[in-house]
Amino acid sequence: MDIFLFNLLFFLVLILVKINFISALNTELKKESKNYLIIIINCLFIIIFLWLSITVFLEITLILRRTFDNLSL
């Protein structure tokens, strides 16, 4: 499997997990809080999620490139 295809698949799975988590969080927060709190928490989770997913994407690419470089030698 190509390195970038694997990373793309992993990134898409992370996006699906984030969407499910945010929707579950929204369901719980709508019962007891105002919409501003939901918007702030969603923005924070989206920023954290994007940072983590980009970091993981780059780390996996780096690890797989090193592995394939060592195998080709």
N, C-alpha and C. Protein backbone atom coordinates (compact mmCIF):
# COMPACT_ATOMS: atom_id res chain seq x y z
N MET A 1 0.85 -1.19 0.00
CA MET A 1 0.00 0.00 0.00
C MET A 1 0.89 1.24 0.00
N ASP A 2 0.52 2.20 -0.78
CA ASP A 2 1.29 3.43 -0.87
C ASP A 2 1.23 4.19 0.47
N ILE A 3 2.29 4.88 0.78
CA ILE A 3 2.38 5.62 2.05
C ILE A 3 1.28 6.67 2.13
N PHE A 4 1.10 7.41 1.08
CA PHE A 4 0.13 8.50 1.12
C PHE A 4 -1.31 7.99 1.14
N LEU A 5 -1.55 6.86 0.49
CA LEU A 5 -2.88 6.27 0.54
C LEU A 5 -3.21 5.80 1.95
N PHE A 6 -2.22 5.19 2.60
CA PHE A 6 -2.42 4.76 3.99
C PHE A 6 -2.70 5.96 4.89
N ASN A 7 -1.94 7.02 4.73
CA ASN A 7 -2.15 8.21 5.55
C ASN A 7 -3.50 8.86 5.27
N LEU A 8 -3.90 8.86 4.02
CA LEU A 8 -5.21 9.42 3.68
C LEU A 8 -6.33 8.61 4.33
N LEU A 9 -6.22 7.30 4.30
CA LEU A 9 -7.22 6.45 4.95
C LEU A 9 -7.26 6.72 6.45
N PHE A 10 -6.09 6.81 7.06
CA PHE A 10 -6.01 7.07 8.50
C PHE A 10 -6.62 8.43 8.83
N PHE A 11 -6.34 9.42 8.02
CA PHE A 11 -6.87 10.76 8.22
C PHE A 11 -8.39 10.77 8.11
N LEU A 12 -8.94 10.03 7.15
CA LEU A 12 -10.39 9.95 7.00
C LEU A 12 -11.05 9.26 8.19
N VAL A 13 -10.40 8.23 8.72
CA VAL A 13 -10.94 7.56 9.92
C VAL A 13 -10.94 8.53 11.09
N LEU A 14 -9.89 9.30 11.25
CA LEU A 14 -9.85 10.29 12.33
C LEU A 14 -10.95 11.33 12.17
N ILE A 15 -11.23 11.73 10.94
CA ILE A 15 -12.30 12.70 10.71
C ILE A 15 -13.65 12.11 11.11
N LEU A 16 -13.89 10.85 10.76
CA LEU A 16 -15.16 10.21 11.14
C LEU A 16 -15.30 10.09 12.65
N VAL A 17 -14.21 9.76 13.33
CA VAL A 17 -14.24 9.69 14.80
C VAL A 17 -14.54 11.06 15.39
N LYS A 18 -13.93 12.09 14.85
CA LYS A 18 -14.18 13.45 15.34
C LYS A 18 -15.63 13.86 15.14
N ILE A 19 -16.19 13.55 13.98
CA ILE A 19 -17.58 13.91 13.71
C ILE A 19 -18.51 13.21 14.69
N ASN A 20 -18.28 11.94 14.93
CA ASN A 20 -19.11 11.21 15.89
C ASN A 20 -18.97 11.77 17.29
N PHE A 21 -17.75 12.11 17.68
CA PHE A 21 -17.52 12.65 19.02
C PHE A 21 -18.18 14.00 19.20
N ILE A 22 -18.05 14.87 18.20
CA ILE A 22 -18.66 16.20 18.29
C ILE A 22 -20.18 16.11 18.32
N SER A 23 -20.76 15.22 17.54
CA SER A 23 -22.22 15.11 17.54
C SER A 23 -22.72 14.57 18.88
N ALA A 24 -21.99 13.62 19.46
CA ALA A 24 -22.37 13.11 20.78
C ALA A 24 -22.22 14.20 21.84
N LEU A 25 -21.16 15.00 21.73
CA LEU A 25 -20.95 16.09 22.67
C LEU A 25 -22.05 17.14 22.54
N ASN A 26 -22.43 17.45 21.32
CA ASN A 26 -23.52 18.41 21.10
C ASN A 26 -24.82 17.93 21.71
N THR A 27 -25.10 16.65 21.56
CA THR A 27 -26.34 16.10 22.11
C THR A 27 -26.38 16.25 23.62
N GLU A 28 -25.24 15.99 24.27
CA GLU A 28 -25.19 16.10 25.73
C GLU A 28 -25.25 17.56 26.19
N LEU A 29 -24.55 18.45 25.49
CA LEU A 29 -24.48 19.83 25.93
C LEU A 29 -25.75 20.62 25.66
N LYS A 30 -26.50 20.24 24.65
CA LYS A 30 -27.73 20.97 24.33
C LYS A 30 -28.77 20.84 25.44
N LYS A 31 -28.66 19.79 26.22
CA LYS A 31 -29.64 19.58 27.28
C LYS A 31 -29.50 20.60 28.41
N GLU A 32 -28.26 21.04 28.68
CA GLU A 32 -28.04 21.84 29.88
C GLU A 32 -27.34 23.17 29.67
N SER A 33 -26.96 23.52 28.46
CA SER A 33 -26.17 24.74 28.31
C SER A 33 -26.65 25.57 27.13
N LYS A 34 -26.01 26.72 26.97
CA LYS A 34 -26.36 27.62 25.86
C LYS A 34 -25.56 27.26 24.62
N ASN A 35 -26.00 27.80 23.52
CA ASN A 35 -25.36 27.50 22.25
C ASN A 35 -23.94 28.05 22.15
N TYR A 36 -23.64 29.14 22.86
CA TYR A 36 -22.29 29.72 22.79
C TYR A 36 -21.26 28.76 23.35
N LEU A 37 -21.60 28.08 24.41
CA LEU A 37 -20.67 27.10 24.99
C LEU A 37 -20.42 25.96 24.02
N ILE A 38 -21.45 25.52 23.34
CA ILE A 38 -21.29 24.44 22.36
C ILE A 38 -20.39 24.88 21.22
N ILE A 39 -20.57 26.10 20.75
CA ILE A 39 -19.75 26.61 19.65
C ILE A 39 -18.29 26.72 20.06
N ILE A 40 -18.03 27.23 21.26
CA ILE A 40 -16.65 27.37 21.74
C ILE A 40 -15.99 26.00 21.89
N ILE A 41 -16.70 25.06 22.49
CA ILE A 41 -16.12 23.72 22.68
C ILE A 41 -15.89 23.05 21.33
N ASN A 42 -16.82 23.20 20.39
CA ASN A 42 -16.63 22.63 19.06
C ASN A 42 -15.40 23.22 18.37
N CYS A 43 -15.23 24.52 18.47
CA CYS A 43 -14.06 25.16 17.85
C CYS A 43 -12.77 24.66 18.47
N LEU A 44 -12.75 24.53 19.78
CA LEU A 44 -11.55 24.02 20.45
C LEU A 44 -11.24 22.59 20.02
N PHE A 45 -12.26 21.75 19.97
CA PHE A 45 -12.04 20.36 19.56
C PHE A 45 -11.60 20.27 18.10
N ILE A 46 -12.15 21.12 17.26
CA ILE A 46 -11.75 21.10 15.85
C ILE A 46 -10.29 21.53 15.70
N ILE A 47 -9.88 22.57 16.42
CA ILE A 47 -8.48 23.02 16.36
C ILE A 47 -7.54 21.94 16.89
N ILE A 48 -7.88 21.36 18.04
CA ILE A 48 -7.04 20.30 18.61
C ILE A 48 -7.00 19.10 17.68
N PHE A 49 -8.15 18.73 17.14
CA PHE A 49 -8.20 17.58 16.24
C PHE A 49 -7.36 17.80 14.99
N LEU A 50 -7.48 18.96 14.39
CA LEU A 50 -6.69 19.23 13.19
C LEU A 50 -5.20 19.21 13.47
N TRP A 51 -4.79 19.79 14.59
CA TRP A 51 -3.38 19.79 14.95
C TRP A 51 -2.88 18.36 15.17
N LEU A 52 -3.65 17.57 15.92
CA LEU A 52 -3.23 16.19 16.18
C LEU A 52 -3.22 15.35 14.91
N SER A 53 -4.21 15.50 14.07
CA SER A 53 -4.26 14.68 12.87
C SER A 53 -3.15 15.04 11.89
N ILE A 54 -2.82 16.31 11.78
CA ILE A 54 -1.70 16.70 10.91
C ILE A 54 -0.39 16.18 11.47
N THR A 55 -0.23 16.26 12.78
CA THR A 55 0.98 15.74 13.41
C THR A 55 1.11 14.24 13.20
N VAL A 56 0.03 13.52 13.41
CA VAL A 56 0.06 12.06 13.21
C VAL A 56 0.32 11.74 11.74
N PHE A 57 -0.31 12.46 10.85
CA PHE A 57 -0.10 12.26 9.41
C PHE A 57 1.37 12.42 9.05
N LEU A 58 2.00 13.47 9.54
CA LEU A 58 3.41 13.70 9.23
C LEU A 58 4.32 12.67 9.89
N GLU A 59 3.99 12.27 11.11
CA GLU A 59 4.81 11.26 11.79
C GLU A 59 4.74 9.92 11.07
N ILE A 60 3.56 9.52 10.66
CA ILE A 60 3.43 8.24 9.95
C ILE A 60 4.18 8.29 8.63
N THR A 61 4.08 9.40 7.94
CA THR A 61 4.81 9.55 6.68
C THR A 61 6.31 9.44 6.91
N LEU A 62 6.80 10.10 7.93
CA LEU A 62 8.23 10.06 8.24
C LEU A 62 8.69 8.65 8.61
N ILE A 63 7.92 7.97 9.46
CA ILE A 63 8.28 6.61 9.88
C ILE A 63 8.27 5.66 8.70
N LEU A 64 7.24 5.74 7.88
CA LEU A 64 7.15 4.82 6.74
C LEU A 64 8.23 5.12 5.70
N ARG A 65 8.56 6.37 5.51
CA ARG A 65 9.64 6.69 4.56
C ARG A 65 10.97 6.14 5.06
N ARG A 66 11.24 6.29 6.35
CA ARG A 66 12.48 5.74 6.90
C ARG A 66 12.51 4.22 6.75
N THR A 67 11.38 3.58 7.00
CA THR A 67 11.32 2.13 6.89
C THR A 67 11.57 1.68 5.46
N PHE A 68 10.93 2.32 4.50
CA PHE A 68 11.13 1.94 3.11
C PHE A 68 12.52 2.29 2.61
N ASP A 69 13.10 3.36 3.12
CA ASP A 69 14.48 3.70 2.74
C ASP A 69 15.45 2.66 3.26
N ASN A 70 15.23 2.19 4.49
CA ASN A 70 16.10 1.17 5.05
C ASN A 70 15.94 -0.16 4.32
N LEU A 71 14.74 -0.47 3.87
CA LEU A 71 14.51 -1.72 3.15
C LEU A 71 15.15 -1.69 1.77
N SER A 72 15.19 -0.53 1.16
CA SER A 72 15.74 -0.45 -0.19
C SER A 72 17.26 -0.50 -0.22
N LEU A 73 17.90 -0.25 0.93
CA LEU A 73 19.37 -0.27 0.96
C LEU A 73 19.94 -1.64 0.94
